[in-house]
Amino acid sequence: MPSARARIQRPSGAGTLAQTRAYAARAAALAEQLRREVAEVPDRPHGRPAVVMLMGLPGVGKSHVARLLCARLGAAHVATDELRSRLFIAAAYTDAENRAVFATSQALVEVLLGEGHRVVVDATNLLAPEDHSDADERVYERMRDRAFEPPKEGHLEVANGADLARDVARVAEAVEAATR
């Protein structure tokens, strides 16, 4: 005879929220696991530890520039899109999910810096909850029209075009100079 216990089913949104909260609370533990699974990390550190953060609109080539910089600097690559796809089967890009992804990426960067690595972080830091890095053209156009406020100091602009190799070299030289 079947059990008389009631079976509780949570809507998928509640399950996802619980999963997201659990990830955010365990960011440091996740970082250790994801370091082996997701991050592209050189066998040994090269140079003094440093972080290069790439910012820009969705689809402008941050991941491509990150790979070029990592090759030039001997740096580890942390891509939040890769982390998100590993953490969430069906990403919703909610505020809570974004917090979990960024907390995990921050913890991963801290692990890599602690090991002595240079780290290139490839992330779109979002202003609105409905904007996300695999956005369609409509979202891209809306974000492009917003004013961009670069960091107050320590930033270099890179254009993904004909001068990309020169720009990547310029960023790599700045990192080398700052970490001597």
C-alpha atoms as a PDB file:
ATOM      1  CA  MET A   1       0.000   0.000   0.000  1.00  0.00           C
ATOM      2  CA  PRO A   2       1.402   3.453  -0.934  1.00  0.00           C
ATOM      3  CA  SER A   3       2.496   5.820   1.792  1.00  0.00           C
ATOM      4  CA  ALA A   4      -0.004   8.374   3.031  1.00  0.00           C
ATOM      5  CA  ARG A   5       2.643  11.109   3.109  1.00  0.00           C
ATOM      6  CA  ALA A   6       1.920  14.113   0.967  1.00  0.00           C
ATOM      7  CA  ARG A   7       4.415  14.740  -1.779  1.00  0.00           C
ATOM      8  CA  ILE A   8       5.567  18.327  -1.936  1.00  0.00           C
ATOM      9  CA  GLN A   9       6.506  19.654  -5.337  1.00  0.00           C
ATOM     10  CA  ARG A  10       8.089  23.046  -5.620  1.00  0.00           C
ATOM     11  CA  PRO A  11       7.701  25.038  -8.786  1.00  0.00           C
ATOM     12  CA  SER A  12      10.909  25.083 -10.806  1.00  0.00           C
ATOM     13  CA  GLY A  13      11.433  28.763  -9.978  1.00  0.00           C
ATOM     14  CA  ALA A  14      11.585  27.972  -6.263  1.00  0.00           C
ATOM     15  CA  GLY A  15      13.992  25.106  -6.902  1.00  0.00           C
ATOM     16  CA  THR A  16      16.219  27.312  -8.994  1.00  0.00           C
ATOM     17  CA  LEU A  17      16.188  30.028  -6.339  1.00  0.00           C
ATOM     18  CA  ALA A  18      17.176  27.488  -3.678  1.00  0.00           C
ATOM     19  CA  GLN A  19      19.969  26.207  -5.932  1.00  0.00           C
ATOM     20  CA  THR A  20      21.139  29.756  -6.602  1.00  0.00           C
ATOM     21  CA  ARG A  21      21.245  30.594  -2.883  1.00  0.00           C
ATOM     22  CA  ALA A  22      23.162  27.394  -2.167  1.00  0.00           C
ATOM     23  CA  TYR A  23      25.734  28.252  -4.834  1.00  0.00           C
ATOM     24  CA  ALA A  24      26.170  31.785  -3.504  1.00  0.00           C
ATOM     25  CA  ALA A  25      26.685  30.437   0.026  1.00  0.00           C
ATOM     26  CA  ARG A  26      29.277  27.898  -1.159  1.00  0.00           C
ATOM     27  CA  ALA A  27      31.196  30.063  -3.630  1.00  0.00           C
ATOM     28  CA  ALA A  28      34.614  29.253  -2.138  1.00  0.00           C
ATOM     29  CA  ALA A  29      34.003  25.491  -2.195  1.00  0.00           C
ATOM     30  CA  LEU A  30      32.674  25.704  -5.743  1.00  0.00           C
ATOM     31  CA  ALA A  31      35.721  27.704  -6.806  1.00  0.00           C
ATOM     32  CA  GLU A  32      38.045  24.811  -5.957  1.00  0.00           C
ATOM     33  CA  GLN A  33      35.981  22.374  -8.021  1.00  0.00           C
ATOM     34  CA  LEU A  34      35.417  24.762 -10.921  1.00  0.00           C
ATOM     35  CA  ARG A  35      39.124  25.615 -11.036  1.00  0.00           C
ATOM     36  CA  ARG A  36      39.695  22.061 -12.279  1.00  0.00           C
ATOM     37  CA  GLU A  37      36.635  21.936 -14.534  1.00  0.00           C
ATOM     38  CA  VAL A  38      36.243  25.372 -16.105  1.00  0.00           C
ATOM     39  CA  ALA A  39      39.146  27.751 -15.634  1.00  0.00           C
ATOM     40  CA  GLU A  40      41.942  27.626 -18.182  1.00  0.00           C
ATOM     41  CA  VAL A  41      44.990  27.674 -15.905  1.00  0.00           C
ATOM     42  CA  PRO A  42      48.679  27.416 -16.851  1.00  0.00           C
ATOM     43  CA  ASP A  43      50.664  24.601 -15.211  1.00  0.00           C
ATOM     44  CA  ARG A  44      52.610  27.145 -13.190  1.00  0.00           C
ATOM     45  CA  PRO A  45      52.260  30.867 -12.469  1.00  0.00           C
ATOM     46  CA  HIS A  46      53.970  33.343 -14.774  1.00  0.00           C
ATOM     47  CA  GLY A  47      55.116  36.651 -13.312  1.00  0.00           C
ATOM     48  CA  ARG A  48      53.588  38.316 -10.281  1.00  0.00           C
ATOM     49  CA  PRO A  49      49.851  37.888  -9.623  1.00  0.00           C
ATOM     50  CA  ALA A  50      47.562  40.416 -11.292  1.00  0.00           C
ATOM     51  CA  VAL A  51      43.952  40.681 -12.441  1.00  0.00           C
ATOM     52  CA  VAL A  52      42.842  42.003 -15.823  1.00  0.00           C
ATOM     53  CA  MET A  53      39.083  42.616 -16.033  1.00  0.00           C
ATOM     54  CA  LEU A  54      37.486  42.818 -19.468  1.00  0.00           C
ATOM     55  CA  MET A  55      34.254  44.797 -19.719  1.00  0.00           C
ATOM     56  CA  GLY A  56      32.061  45.518 -22.690  1.00  0.00           C
ATOM     57  CA  LEU A  57      28.794  44.947 -24.448  1.00  0.00           C
ATOM     58  CA  PRO A  58      27.578  41.415 -25.156  1.00  0.00           C
ATOM     59  CA  GLY A  59      29.157  39.886 -28.233  1.00  0.00           C
ATOM     60  CA  VAL A  60      31.946  42.434 -28.775  1.00  0.00           C
ATOM     61  CA  GLY A  61      34.766  39.915 -28.386  1.00  0.00           C
ATOM     62  CA  LYS A  62      35.739  39.947 -24.706  1.00  0.00           C
ATOM     63  CA  SER A  63      36.368  36.185 -24.725  1.00  0.00           C
ATOM     64  CA  HIS A  64      38.535  36.446 -27.835  1.00  0.00           C
ATOM     65  CA  VAL A  65      40.588  39.275 -26.315  1.00  0.00           C
ATOM     66  CA  ALA A  66      40.833  37.311 -23.046  1.00  0.00           C
ATOM     67  CA  ARG A  67      42.306  34.291 -24.831  1.00  0.00           C
ATOM     68  CA  LEU A  68      44.846  36.501 -26.623  1.00  0.00           C
ATOM     69  CA  LEU A  69      45.846  38.209 -23.370  1.00  0.00           C
ATOM     70  CA  CYS A  70      46.123  34.899 -21.523  1.00  0.00           C
ATOM     71  CA  ALA A  71      48.447  33.539 -24.200  1.00  0.00           C
ATOM     72  CA  ARG A  72      50.587  36.668 -24.094  1.00  0.00           C
ATOM     73  CA  LEU A  73      50.711  36.947 -20.274  1.00  0.00           C
ATOM     74  CA  GLY A  74      50.720  33.278 -19.293  1.00  0.00           C
ATOM     75  CA  ALA A  75      47.533  34.039 -17.367  1.00  0.00           C
ATOM     76  CA  ALA A  76      44.577  31.960 -16.211  1.00  0.00           C
ATOM     77  CA  HIS A  77      41.239  32.680 -17.885  1.00  0.00           C
ATOM     78  CA  VAL A  78      38.003  32.945 -15.882  1.00  0.00           C
ATOM     79  CA  ALA A  79      34.902  33.379 -18.052  1.00  0.00           C
ATOM     80  CA  THR A  80      31.629  34.031 -16.240  1.00  0.00           C
ATOM     81  CA  ASP A  81      29.629  32.698 -19.205  1.00  0.00           C
ATOM     82  CA  GLU A  82      31.425  29.365 -18.793  1.00  0.00           C
ATOM     83  CA  LEU A  83      30.825  29.389 -15.035  1.00  0.00           C
ATOM     84  CA  ARG A  84      27.135  30.177 -15.536  1.00  0.00           C
ATOM     85  CA  SER A  85      26.668  27.362 -18.041  1.00  0.00           C
ATOM     86  CA  ARG A  86      28.365  24.943 -15.633  1.00  0.00           C
ATOM     87  CA  LEU A  87      26.302  26.041 -12.624  1.00  0.00           C
ATOM     88  CA  PHE A  88      22.866  26.367 -14.265  1.00  0.00           C
ATOM     89  CA  ILE A  89      21.321  24.051 -16.834  1.00  0.00           C
ATOM     90  CA  ALA A  90      18.811  26.691 -17.943  1.00  0.00           C
ATOM     91  CA  ALA A  91      20.252  30.065 -16.997  1.00  0.00           C
ATOM     92  CA  ALA A  92      17.632  32.690 -16.186  1.00  0.00           C
ATOM     93  CA  TYR A  93      19.994  35.660 -15.633  1.00  0.00           C
ATOM     94  CA  THR A  94      18.112  36.722 -12.507  1.00  0.00           C
ATOM     95  CA  ASP A  95      19.711  39.053  -9.978  1.00  0.00           C
ATOM     96  CA  ALA A  96      20.170  36.133  -7.569  1.00  0.00           C
ATOM     97  CA  GLU A  97      21.753  34.001 -10.284  1.00  0.00           C
ATOM     98  CA  ASN A  98      24.068  36.854 -11.300  1.00  0.00           C
ATOM     99  CA  ARG A  99      25.146  37.261  -7.661  1.00  0.00           C
ATOM    100  CA  ALA A 100      25.931  33.534  -7.434  1.00  0.00           C
ATOM    101  CA  VAL A 101      27.921  33.586 -10.680  1.00  0.00           C
ATOM    102  CA  PHE A 102      29.904  36.687  -9.718  1.00  0.00           C
ATOM    103  CA  ALA A 103      30.516  35.426  -6.157  1.00  0.00           C
ATOM    104  CA  THR A 104      31.827  32.164  -7.598  1.00  0.00           C
ATOM    105  CA  SER A 105      34.001  33.945 -10.164  1.00  0.00           C
ATOM    106  CA  GLN A 106      35.397  36.210  -7.443  1.00  0.00           C
ATOM    107  CA  ALA A 107      36.199  33.189  -5.265  1.00  0.00           C
ATOM    108  CA  LEU A 108      37.851  31.468  -8.239  1.00  0.00           C
ATOM    109  CA  VAL A 109      39.950  34.557  -8.974  1.00  0.00           C
ATOM    110  CA  GLU A 110      41.021  34.667  -5.312  1.00  0.00           C
ATOM    111  CA  VAL A 111      42.091  30.996  -5.463  1.00  0.00           C
ATOM    112  CA  LEU A 112      44.119  31.615  -8.620  1.00  0.00           C
ATOM    113  CA  LEU A 113      45.736  34.775  -7.246  1.00  0.00           C
ATOM    114  CA  GLY A 114      46.569  32.853  -4.068  1.00  0.00           C
ATOM    115  CA  GLU A 115      48.385  30.302  -6.231  1.00  0.00           C
ATOM    116  CA  GLY A 116      50.385  33.170  -7.761  1.00  0.00           C
ATOM    117  CA  HIS A 117      48.659  33.307 -11.156  1.00  0.00           C
ATOM    118  CA  ARG A 118      47.835  36.267 -13.302  1.00  0.00           C
ATOM    119  CA  VAL A 119      44.114  36.142 -14.105  1.00  0.00           C
ATOM    120  CA  VAL A 120      42.084  37.544 -16.996  1.00  0.00           C
ATOM    121  CA  VAL A 121      38.391  37.812 -16.094  1.00  0.00           C
ATOM    122  CA  ASP A 122      35.953  37.845 -18.975  1.00  0.00           C
ATOM    123  CA  ALA A 123      32.585  39.117 -17.746  1.00  0.00           C
ATOM    124  CA  THR A 124      29.720  41.360 -18.658  1.00  0.00           C
ATOM    125  CA  ASN A 125      28.792  43.211 -15.484  1.00  0.00           C
ATOM    126  CA  LEU A 126      25.122  43.895 -15.948  1.00  0.00           C
ATOM    127  CA  LEU A 127      23.181  47.026 -15.137  1.00  0.00           C
ATOM    128  CA  ALA A 128      19.705  45.626 -15.630  1.00  0.00           C
ATOM    129  CA  PRO A 129      18.454  42.170 -14.633  1.00  0.00           C
ATOM    130  CA  GLU A 130      17.041  41.374 -18.074  1.00  0.00           C
ATOM    131  CA  ASP A 131      20.298  42.080 -19.911  1.00  0.00           C
ATOM    132  CA  HIS A 132      22.681  39.153 -20.227  1.00  0.00           C
ATOM    133  CA  SER A 133      25.789  38.200 -22.119  1.00  0.00           C
ATOM    134  CA  ASP A 134      24.109  35.995 -24.713  1.00  0.00           C
ATOM    135  CA  ALA A 135      21.590  38.735 -25.408  1.00  0.00           C
ATOM    136  CA  ASP A 136      19.920  39.180 -28.754  1.00  0.00           C
ATOM    137  CA  GLU A 137      20.461  42.186 -31.013  1.00  0.00           C
ATOM    138  CA  ARG A 138      17.606  44.149 -29.427  1.00  0.00           C
ATOM    139  CA  VAL A 139      19.295  43.986 -26.002  1.00  0.00           C
ATOM    140  CA  TYR A 140      22.678  44.779 -27.550  1.00  0.00           C
ATOM    141  CA  GLU A 141      21.246  47.933 -29.169  1.00  0.00           C
ATOM    142  CA  ARG A 142      19.609  49.033 -25.923  1.00  0.00           C
ATOM    143  CA  MET A 143      22.859  48.563 -23.980  1.00  0.00           C
ATOM    144  CA  ARG A 144      24.950  50.239 -26.676  1.00  0.00           C
ATOM    145  CA  ASP A 145      22.907  53.416 -26.347  1.00  0.00           C
ATOM    146  CA  ARG A 146      23.617  53.691 -22.611  1.00  0.00           C
ATOM    147  CA  ALA A 147      26.395  55.889 -21.356  1.00  0.00           C
ATOM    148  CA  PHE A 148      29.467  53.893 -20.338  1.00  0.00           C
ATOM    149  CA  GLU A 149      31.382  54.930 -17.273  1.00  0.00           C
ATOM    150  CA  PRO A 150      34.853  53.353 -17.236  1.00  0.00           C
ATOM    151  CA  PRO A 151      36.673  52.726 -13.965  1.00  0.00           C
ATOM    152  CA  LYS A 152      38.098  55.886 -12.414  1.00  0.00           C
ATOM    153  CA  GLU A 153      41.694  54.678 -12.842  1.00  0.00           C
ATOM    154  CA  GLY A 154      43.749  51.851 -14.237  1.00  0.00           C
ATOM    155  CA  HIS A 155      41.819  51.159 -17.413  1.00  0.00           C
ATOM    156  CA  LEU A 156      42.864  50.781 -21.038  1.00  0.00           C
ATOM    157  CA  GLU A 157      40.462  50.772 -23.951  1.00  0.00           C
ATOM    158  CA  VAL A 158      40.691  47.953 -26.496  1.00  0.00           C
ATOM    159  CA  ALA A 159      38.912  48.006 -29.846  1.00  0.00           C
ATOM    160  CA  ASN A 160      38.227  44.607 -31.388  1.00  0.00           C
ATOM    161  CA  GLY A 161      39.243  45.542 -34.912  1.00  0.00           C
ATOM    162  CA  ALA A 162      42.243  46.142 -37.143  1.00  0.00           C
ATOM    163  CA  ASP A 163      44.395  47.363 -34.233  1.00  0.00           C
ATOM    164  CA  LEU A 164      43.519  44.489 -31.885  1.00  0.00           C
ATOM    165  CA  ALA A 165      47.016  42.957 -31.868  1.00  0.00           C
ATOM    166  CA  ARG A 166      48.506  46.343 -31.016  1.00  0.00           C
ATOM    167  CA  ASP A 167      45.923  46.914 -28.266  1.00  0.00           C
ATOM    168  CA  VAL A 168      46.502  43.455 -26.750  1.00  0.00           C
ATOM    169  CA  ALA A 169      50.257  44.126 -26.765  1.00  0.00           C
ATOM    170  CA  ARG A 170      49.661  47.483 -25.062  1.00  0.00           C
ATOM    171  CA  VAL A 171      47.560  45.876 -22.303  1.00  0.00           C
ATOM    172  CA  ALA A 172      50.100  43.067 -21.838  1.00  0.00           C
ATOM    173  CA  GLU A 173      52.931  45.607 -21.581  1.00  0.00           C
ATOM    174  CA  ALA A 174      50.964  47.590 -18.982  1.00  0.00           C
ATOM    175  CA  VAL A 175      50.410  44.438 -16.908  1.00  0.00           C
ATOM    176  CA  GLU A 176      54.094  43.504 -17.217  1.00  0.00           C
ATOM    177  CA  ALA A 177      55.142  47.008 -16.137  1.00  0.00           C
ATOM    178  CA  ALA A 178      52.721  47.034 -13.189  1.00  0.00           C
ATOM    179  CA  THR A 179      53.883  43.638 -11.911  1.00  0.00           C
ATOM    180  CA  ARG A 180      57.652  44.135 -12.015  1.00  0.00           C
END
